[in-house]
């Protein structure tokens, strides 16, 4: 009966993760170095400088591998700490981009205006049909500015409860100034999208990086 030859094997140990043969590890590097030493020409042995260079490369490979492992570990720790800290946002008020305004019992929610520079702002208040019901003129400074509406319409009547929107333009010496309308509301929820925090404010989702202010 023919006997099958016995060969050296590199298969995975039972129960262990299968080895990725497409990557060269420390064991492979050392095996190659030992094989090179064993099979060198006795009449022309390996040069000491070349041997030292390969040992140095092996040492650097080992150190870089350890540094990479520590970096990944630190990254995971920082991400975990950040995610834990984000839980504290739930229930607090966050200021994010938005032009919505709500009137309840004759009182309007407060808004803010983020301006790249000072100027004069013209703020149009629009009803649900897109009609301008009031216009506010106010001086603004660079940064965050509070916007308040007294709910008084141009015909001296009070605005009805409901949803409104703001249209804002800011000029300084007839030069347009970039301005963004903001809303402030409680953070109703928190989730993660590809490990990035996403909060819910007034029924809309915002990335944590889009928060202008927490109060």
C-alpha atoms as a PDB file:
ATOM      1  CA  UNK A   1       0.000   0.000   0.000  1.00  0.00           C
ATOM      2  CA  UNK A   2       1.439   3.362  -0.980  1.00  0.00           C
ATOM      3  CA  UNK A   3       2.329   5.662   1.882  1.00  0.00           C
ATOM      4  CA  UNK A   4       1.586   9.360   1.510  1.00  0.00           C
ATOM      5  CA  UNK A   5       4.641  11.539   2.032  1.00  0.00           C
ATOM      6  CA  UNK A   6       4.949  13.653   5.129  1.00  0.00           C
ATOM      7  CA  UNK A   7       5.403  17.380   4.549  1.00  0.00           C
ATOM      8  CA  UNK A   8       5.827  20.409   6.747  1.00  0.00           C
ATOM      9  CA  UNK A   9       2.478  22.097   7.327  1.00  0.00           C
ATOM     10  CA  UNK A  10       1.444  25.598   8.181  1.00  0.00           C
ATOM     11  CA  UNK A  11      -2.253  24.978   8.630  1.00  0.00           C
ATOM     12  CA  UNK A  12      -4.206  26.610  11.402  1.00  0.00           C
ATOM     13  CA  UNK A  13      -4.355  24.932  14.801  1.00  0.00           C
ATOM     14  CA  UNK A  14      -7.778  23.480  15.564  1.00  0.00           C
ATOM     15  CA  UNK A  15      -9.958  26.166  17.073  1.00  0.00           C
ATOM     16  CA  UNK A  16      -7.578  28.987  16.100  1.00  0.00           C
ATOM     17  CA  UNK A  17      -8.266  31.741  13.592  1.00  0.00           C
ATOM     18  CA  UNK A  18      -7.075  30.888  10.097  1.00  0.00           C
ATOM     19  CA  UNK A  19      -3.766  32.545   9.274  1.00  0.00           C
ATOM     20  CA  UNK A  20      -3.733  35.247   6.601  1.00  0.00           C
ATOM     21  CA  UNK A  21      -1.006  34.053   4.243  1.00  0.00           C
ATOM     22  CA  UNK A  22      -1.094  37.316   2.290  1.00  0.00           C
ATOM     23  CA  UNK A  23       0.637  39.156   5.159  1.00  0.00           C
ATOM     24  CA  UNK A  24       4.220  38.684   6.329  1.00  0.00           C
ATOM     25  CA  UNK A  25       4.512  38.560  10.095  1.00  0.00           C
ATOM     26  CA  UNK A  26       7.355  38.501  12.576  1.00  0.00           C
ATOM     27  CA  UNK A  27       7.587  34.696  12.486  1.00  0.00           C
ATOM     28  CA  UNK A  28       7.884  34.746   8.684  1.00  0.00           C
ATOM     29  CA  UNK A  29      10.611  37.372   8.824  1.00  0.00           C
ATOM     30  CA  UNK A  30      12.630  35.404  11.388  1.00  0.00           C
ATOM     31  CA  UNK A  31      12.152  32.162   9.444  1.00  0.00           C
ATOM     32  CA  UNK A  32      13.477  33.792   6.286  1.00  0.00           C
ATOM     33  CA  UNK A  33      16.464  35.215   8.150  1.00  0.00           C
ATOM     34  CA  UNK A  34      17.320  31.846   9.721  1.00  0.00           C
ATOM     35  CA  UNK A  35      16.978  30.118   6.358  1.00  0.00           C
ATOM     36  CA  UNK A  36      19.250  32.719   4.784  1.00  0.00           C
ATOM     37  CA  UNK A  37      21.919  32.110   7.443  1.00  0.00           C
ATOM     38  CA  UNK A  38      21.658  28.302   7.144  1.00  0.00           C
ATOM     39  CA  UNK A  39      21.973  28.355   3.377  1.00  0.00           C
ATOM     40  CA  UNK A  40      24.636  31.010   2.965  1.00  0.00           C
ATOM     41  CA  UNK A  41      27.737  30.250   0.956  1.00  0.00           C
ATOM     42  CA  UNK A  42      30.534  29.247   3.384  1.00  0.00           C
ATOM     43  CA  UNK A  43      33.057  30.741   0.958  1.00  0.00           C
ATOM     44  CA  UNK A  44      31.154  34.032   0.884  1.00  0.00           C
ATOM     45  CA  UNK A  45      29.261  34.409   4.170  1.00  0.00           C
ATOM     46  CA  UNK A  46      26.722  37.123   4.803  1.00  0.00           C
ATOM     47  CA  UNK A  47      28.195  40.538   5.384  1.00  0.00           C
ATOM     48  CA  UNK A  48      27.968  41.729   8.991  1.00  0.00           C
ATOM     49  CA  UNK A  49      26.480  45.073   7.929  1.00  0.00           C
ATOM     50  CA  UNK A  50      23.803  43.309   5.886  1.00  0.00           C
ATOM     51  CA  UNK A  51      23.004  40.970   8.766  1.00  0.00           C
ATOM     52  CA  UNK A  52      22.792  43.896  11.208  1.00  0.00           C
ATOM     53  CA  UNK A  53      20.560  45.787   8.792  1.00  0.00           C
ATOM     54  CA  UNK A  54      18.097  42.913   8.566  1.00  0.00           C
ATOM     55  CA  UNK A  55      18.017  42.548  12.356  1.00  0.00           C
ATOM     56  CA  UNK A  56      17.330  46.275  12.605  1.00  0.00           C
ATOM     57  CA  UNK A  57      14.483  45.949  10.113  1.00  0.00           C
ATOM     58  CA  UNK A  58      13.037  43.102  12.136  1.00  0.00           C
ATOM     59  CA  UNK A  59      13.230  45.166  15.340  1.00  0.00           C
ATOM     60  CA  UNK A  60      11.586  48.160  13.658  1.00  0.00           C
ATOM     61  CA  UNK A  61       8.811  45.914  12.314  1.00  0.00           C
ATOM     62  CA  UNK A  62       8.162  44.595  15.813  1.00  0.00           C
ATOM     63  CA  UNK A  63       8.101  48.076  17.347  1.00  0.00           C
ATOM     64  CA  UNK A  64       5.819  49.466  14.627  1.00  0.00           C
ATOM     65  CA  UNK A  65       3.428  46.578  15.137  1.00  0.00           C
ATOM     66  CA  UNK A  66       3.266  47.264  18.877  1.00  0.00           C
ATOM     67  CA  UNK A  67       2.776  51.002  18.257  1.00  0.00           C
ATOM     68  CA  UNK A  68      -0.085  50.273  15.870  1.00  0.00           C
ATOM     69  CA  UNK A  69      -1.763  48.006  18.429  1.00  0.00           C
ATOM     70  CA  UNK A  70      -1.459  50.679  21.138  1.00  0.00           C
ATOM     71  CA  UNK A  71      -2.761  53.376  18.774  1.00  0.00           C
ATOM     72  CA  UNK A  72      -5.828  51.291  17.937  1.00  0.00           C
ATOM     73  CA  UNK A  73      -6.400  50.626  21.632  1.00  0.00           C
ATOM     74  CA  UNK A  74      -6.121  54.344  22.482  1.00  0.00           C
ATOM     75  CA  UNK A  75      -8.473  55.232  19.608  1.00  0.00           C
ATOM     76  CA  UNK A  76     -11.082  52.819  20.921  1.00  0.00           C
ATOM     77  CA  UNK A  77     -10.727  54.223  24.444  1.00  0.00           C
ATOM     78  CA  UNK A  78     -11.147  57.820  23.207  1.00  0.00           C
ATOM     79  CA  UNK A  79     -14.174  56.860  21.098  1.00  0.00           C
ATOM     80  CA  UNK A  80     -15.741  55.088  24.080  1.00  0.00           C
ATOM     81  CA  UNK A  81     -15.145  58.123  26.326  1.00  0.00           C
ATOM     82  CA  UNK A  82     -16.626  60.474  23.719  1.00  0.00           C
ATOM     83  CA  UNK A  83     -19.705  58.291  23.276  1.00  0.00           C
ATOM     84  CA  UNK A  84     -20.229  58.216  27.035  1.00  0.00           C
ATOM     85  CA  UNK A  85     -19.897  62.013  27.230  1.00  0.00           C
ATOM     86  CA  UNK A  86     -22.452  62.468  24.430  1.00  0.00           C
ATOM     87  CA  UNK A  87     -25.096  60.751  26.558  1.00  0.00           C
ATOM     88  CA  UNK A  88     -25.043  63.866  28.727  1.00  0.00           C
ATOM     89  CA  UNK A  89     -26.506  65.893  25.839  1.00  0.00           C
ATOM     90  CA  UNK A  90     -29.900  64.186  26.092  1.00  0.00           C
ATOM     91  CA  UNK A  91     -32.339  66.522  27.835  1.00  0.00           C
ATOM     92  CA  UNK A  92     -30.209  69.632  27.353  1.00  0.00           C
ATOM     93  CA  UNK A  93     -30.959  72.450  24.910  1.00  0.00           C
ATOM     94  CA  UNK A  94     -28.913  72.450  21.704  1.00  0.00           C
ATOM     95  CA  UNK A  95     -28.611  75.317  19.219  1.00  0.00           C
ATOM     96  CA  UNK A  96     -28.466  74.028  15.639  1.00  0.00           C
ATOM     97  CA  UNK A  97     -29.119  75.337  12.137  1.00  0.00           C
ATOM     98  CA  UNK A  98     -32.786  75.925  11.318  1.00  0.00           C
ATOM     99  CA  UNK A  99     -35.253  78.664  10.416  1.00  0.00           C
ATOM    100  CA  UNK A 100     -38.373  77.326  12.127  1.00  0.00           C
ATOM    101  CA  UNK A 101     -40.260  79.395  14.696  1.00  0.00           C
ATOM    102  CA  UNK A 102     -43.197  78.237  16.825  1.00  0.00           C
ATOM    103  CA  UNK A 103     -45.825  80.434  18.455  1.00  0.00           C
ATOM    104  CA  UNK A 104     -47.567  78.958  21.495  1.00  0.00           C
ATOM    105  CA  UNK A 105     -50.103  80.919  23.571  1.00  0.00           C
ATOM    106  CA  UNK A 106     -48.954  84.118  21.869  1.00  0.00           C
ATOM    107  CA  UNK A 107     -45.262  83.557  22.673  1.00  0.00           C
ATOM    108  CA  UNK A 108     -42.659  82.773  19.988  1.00  0.00           C
ATOM    109  CA  UNK A 109     -39.722  80.477  20.484  1.00  0.00           C
ATOM    110  CA  UNK A 110     -36.350  82.193  20.562  1.00  0.00           C
ATOM    111  CA  UNK A 111     -33.990  81.959  17.604  1.00  0.00           C
ATOM    112  CA  UNK A 112     -30.398  82.945  17.009  1.00  0.00           C
ATOM    113  CA  UNK A 113     -28.457  84.329  14.078  1.00  0.00           C
ATOM    114  CA  UNK A 114     -24.834  83.325  13.412  1.00  0.00           C
ATOM    115  CA  UNK A 115     -23.136  86.145  11.484  1.00  0.00           C
ATOM    116  CA  UNK A 116     -19.689  86.293   9.908  1.00  0.00           C
ATOM    117  CA  UNK A 117     -19.555  90.014  10.666  1.00  0.00           C
ATOM    118  CA  UNK A 118     -21.562  92.960  12.004  1.00  0.00           C
ATOM    119  CA  UNK A 119     -24.360  94.599  10.058  1.00  0.00           C
ATOM    120  CA  UNK A 120     -28.074  95.313   9.856  1.00  0.00           C
ATOM    121  CA  UNK A 121     -30.406  92.318   9.639  1.00  0.00           C
ATOM    122  CA  UNK A 122     -33.764  92.251   7.881  1.00  0.00           C
ATOM    123  CA  UNK A 123     -35.804  89.332   9.194  1.00  0.00           C
ATOM    124  CA  UNK A 124     -39.023  88.340   7.456  1.00  0.00           C
ATOM    125  CA  UNK A 125     -41.485  86.167   9.366  1.00  0.00           C
ATOM    126  CA  UNK A 126     -43.446  83.866   7.039  1.00  0.00           C
ATOM    127  CA  UNK A 127     -46.582  81.917   7.846  1.00  0.00           C
ATOM    128  CA  UNK A 128     -47.275  78.332   6.776  1.00  0.00           C
ATOM    129  CA  UNK A 129     -48.383  79.569   3.332  1.00  0.00           C
ATOM    130  CA  UNK A 130     -45.151  81.466   2.730  1.00  0.00           C
ATOM    131  CA  UNK A 131     -46.694  84.903   3.229  1.00  0.00           C
ATOM    132  CA  UNK A 132     -44.668  87.588   5.019  1.00  0.00           C
ATOM    133  CA  UNK A 133     -46.613  88.529   8.161  1.00  0.00           C
ATOM    134  CA  UNK A 134     -44.001  90.761   9.804  1.00  0.00           C
ATOM    135  CA  UNK A 135     -40.525  92.180   9.210  1.00  0.00           C
ATOM    136  CA  UNK A 136     -37.925  92.838  11.899  1.00  0.00           C
ATOM    137  CA  UNK A 137     -34.938  95.168  11.484  1.00  0.00           C
ATOM    138  CA  UNK A 138     -32.148  94.892  14.029  1.00  0.00           C
ATOM    139  CA  UNK A 139     -28.419  95.470  14.396  1.00  0.00           C
ATOM    140  CA  UNK A 140     -26.293  92.337  14.733  1.00  0.00           C
ATOM    141  CA  UNK A 141     -22.692  91.655  15.661  1.00  0.00           C
ATOM    142  CA  UNK A 142     -20.240  89.003  14.535  1.00  0.00           C
ATOM    143  CA  UNK A 143     -21.021  85.664  16.180  1.00  0.00           C
ATOM    144  CA  UNK A 144     -24.280  84.562  17.769  1.00  0.00           C
ATOM    145  CA  UNK A 145     -27.149  87.033  18.072  1.00  0.00           C
ATOM    146  CA  UNK A 146     -30.529  86.510  19.756  1.00  0.00           C
ATOM    147  CA  UNK A 147     -33.638  86.993  17.612  1.00  0.00           C
ATOM    148  CA  UNK A 148     -36.939  87.690  19.356  1.00  0.00           C
ATOM    149  CA  UNK A 149     -40.374  88.263  17.840  1.00  0.00           C
ATOM    150  CA  UNK A 150     -43.185  89.872  19.809  1.00  0.00           C
ATOM    151  CA  UNK A 151     -45.794  88.107  17.623  1.00  0.00           C
ATOM    152  CA  UNK A 152     -47.323  91.460  16.680  1.00  0.00           C
ATOM    153  CA  UNK A 153     -48.440  91.526  13.040  1.00  0.00           C
ATOM    154  CA  UNK A 154     -48.282  94.547  10.762  1.00  0.00           C
ATOM    155  CA  UNK A 155     -52.022  95.149  11.230  1.00  0.00           C
ATOM    156  CA  UNK A 156     -51.521  95.298  15.034  1.00  0.00           C
ATOM    157  CA  UNK A 157     -53.129  91.897  15.546  1.00  0.00           C
ATOM    158  CA  UNK A 158     -51.316  89.096  17.330  1.00  0.00           C
ATOM    159  CA  UNK A 159     -50.007  86.126  15.427  1.00  0.00           C
ATOM    160  CA  UNK A 160     -51.971  82.910  15.728  1.00  0.00           C
ATOM    161  CA  UNK A 161     -50.379  79.888  17.343  1.00  0.00           C
ATOM    162  CA  UNK A 162     -48.576  77.656  14.872  1.00  0.00           C
ATOM    163  CA  UNK A 163     -45.450  77.194  12.797  1.00  0.00           C
ATOM    164  CA  UNK A 164     -43.595  80.035  11.092  1.00  0.00           C
ATOM    165  CA  UNK A 165     -40.270  80.379   9.278  1.00  0.00           C
ATOM    166  CA  UNK A 166     -37.630  83.093   9.096  1.00  0.00           C
ATOM    167  CA  UNK A 167     -35.930  84.617   6.063  1.00  0.00           C
ATOM    168  CA  UNK A 168     -32.865  86.666   6.969  1.00  0.00           C
ATOM    169  CA  UNK A 169     -30.513  88.968   5.089  1.00  0.00           C
ATOM    170  CA  UNK A 170     -27.652  90.942   6.660  1.00  0.00           C
ATOM    171  CA  UNK A 171     -25.809  93.830   5.007  1.00  0.00           C
ATOM    172  CA  UNK A 172     -22.962  96.075   6.071  1.00  0.00           C
ATOM    173  CA  UNK A 173     -22.429  99.207   3.951  1.00  0.00           C
ATOM    174  CA  UNK A 174     -24.438  97.541   1.174  1.00  0.00           C
ATOM    175  CA  UNK A 175     -22.188  94.457   1.325  1.00  0.00           C
ATOM    176  CA  UNK A 176     -23.913  91.149   2.085  1.00  0.00           C
ATOM    177  CA  UNK A 177     -22.815  89.424   5.295  1.00  0.00           C
ATOM    178  CA  UNK A 178     -23.129  85.654   5.535  1.00  0.00           C
ATOM    179  CA  UNK A 179     -25.672  84.738   8.227  1.00  0.00           C
ATOM    180  CA  UNK A 180     -27.273  81.468   9.328  1.00  0.00           C
ATOM    181  CA  UNK A 181     -30.536  81.188  11.251  1.00  0.00           C
ATOM    182  CA  UNK A 182     -30.479  78.870  14.250  1.00  0.00           C
ATOM    183  CA  UNK A 183     -33.049  77.187  16.441  1.00  0.00           C
ATOM    184  CA  UNK A 184     -32.716  76.044  20.043  1.00  0.00           C
ATOM    185  CA  UNK A 185     -34.519  73.031  21.406  1.00  0.00           C
ATOM    186  CA  UNK A 186     -34.158  70.062  23.751  1.00  0.00           C
ATOM    187  CA  UNK A 187     -32.153  67.063  22.622  1.00  0.00           C
ATOM    188  CA  UNK A 188     -34.794  64.347  22.384  1.00  0.00           C
ATOM    189  CA  UNK A 189     -32.551  61.472  21.350  1.00  0.00           C
ATOM    190  CA  UNK A 190     -29.067  60.277  20.511  1.00  0.00           C
ATOM    191  CA  UNK A 191     -27.895  57.613  18.080  1.00  0.00           C
ATOM    192  CA  UNK A 192     -24.705  56.722  16.237  1.00  0.00           C
ATOM    193  CA  UNK A 193     -24.232  56.719  12.480  1.00  0.00           C
ATOM    194  CA  UNK A 194     -20.953  54.968  11.555  1.00  0.00           C
ATOM    195  CA  UNK A 195     -19.681  55.745  15.077  1.00  0.00           C
ATOM    196  CA  UNK A 196     -20.603  59.435  14.670  1.00  0.00           C
ATOM    197  CA  UNK A 197     -23.043  60.925  17.179  1.00  0.00           C
ATOM    198  CA  UNK A 198     -26.396  62.128  15.808  1.00  0.00           C
ATOM    199  CA  UNK A 199     -28.858  64.056  17.989  1.00  0.00           C
ATOM    200  CA  UNK A 200     -32.562  64.766  17.445  1.00  0.00           C
ATOM    201  CA  UNK A 201     -33.808  68.320  17.972  1.00  0.00           C
ATOM    202  CA  UNK A 202     -37.366  69.393  17.126  1.00  0.00           C
ATOM    203  CA  UNK A 203     -37.873  66.193  15.133  1.00  0.00           C
ATOM    204  CA  UNK A 204     -34.782  66.721  12.959  1.00  0.00           C
ATOM    205  CA  UNK A 205     -31.459  64.857  13.063  1.00  0.00           C
ATOM    206  CA  UNK A 206     -28.162  66.715  13.396  1.00  0.00           C
ATOM    207  CA  UNK A 207     -24.557  65.552  13.667  1.00  0.00           C
ATOM    208  CA  UNK A 208     -22.919  66.519  16.940  1.00  0.00           C
ATOM    209  CA  UNK A 209     -20.423  68.575  14.935  1.00  0.00           C
ATOM    210  CA  UNK A 210     -23.340  70.777  13.781  1.00  0.00           C
ATOM    211  CA  UNK A 211     -24.116  71.986  17.311  1.00  0.00           C
ATOM    212  CA  UNK A 212     -23.426  75.693  17.803  1.00  0.00           C
ATOM    213  CA  UNK A 213     -24.230  75.855  21.505  1.00  0.00           C
ATOM    214  CA  UNK A 214     -25.370  73.710  24.446  1.00  0.00           C
ATOM    215  CA  UNK A 215     -27.359  75.269  27.274  1.00  0.00           C
END
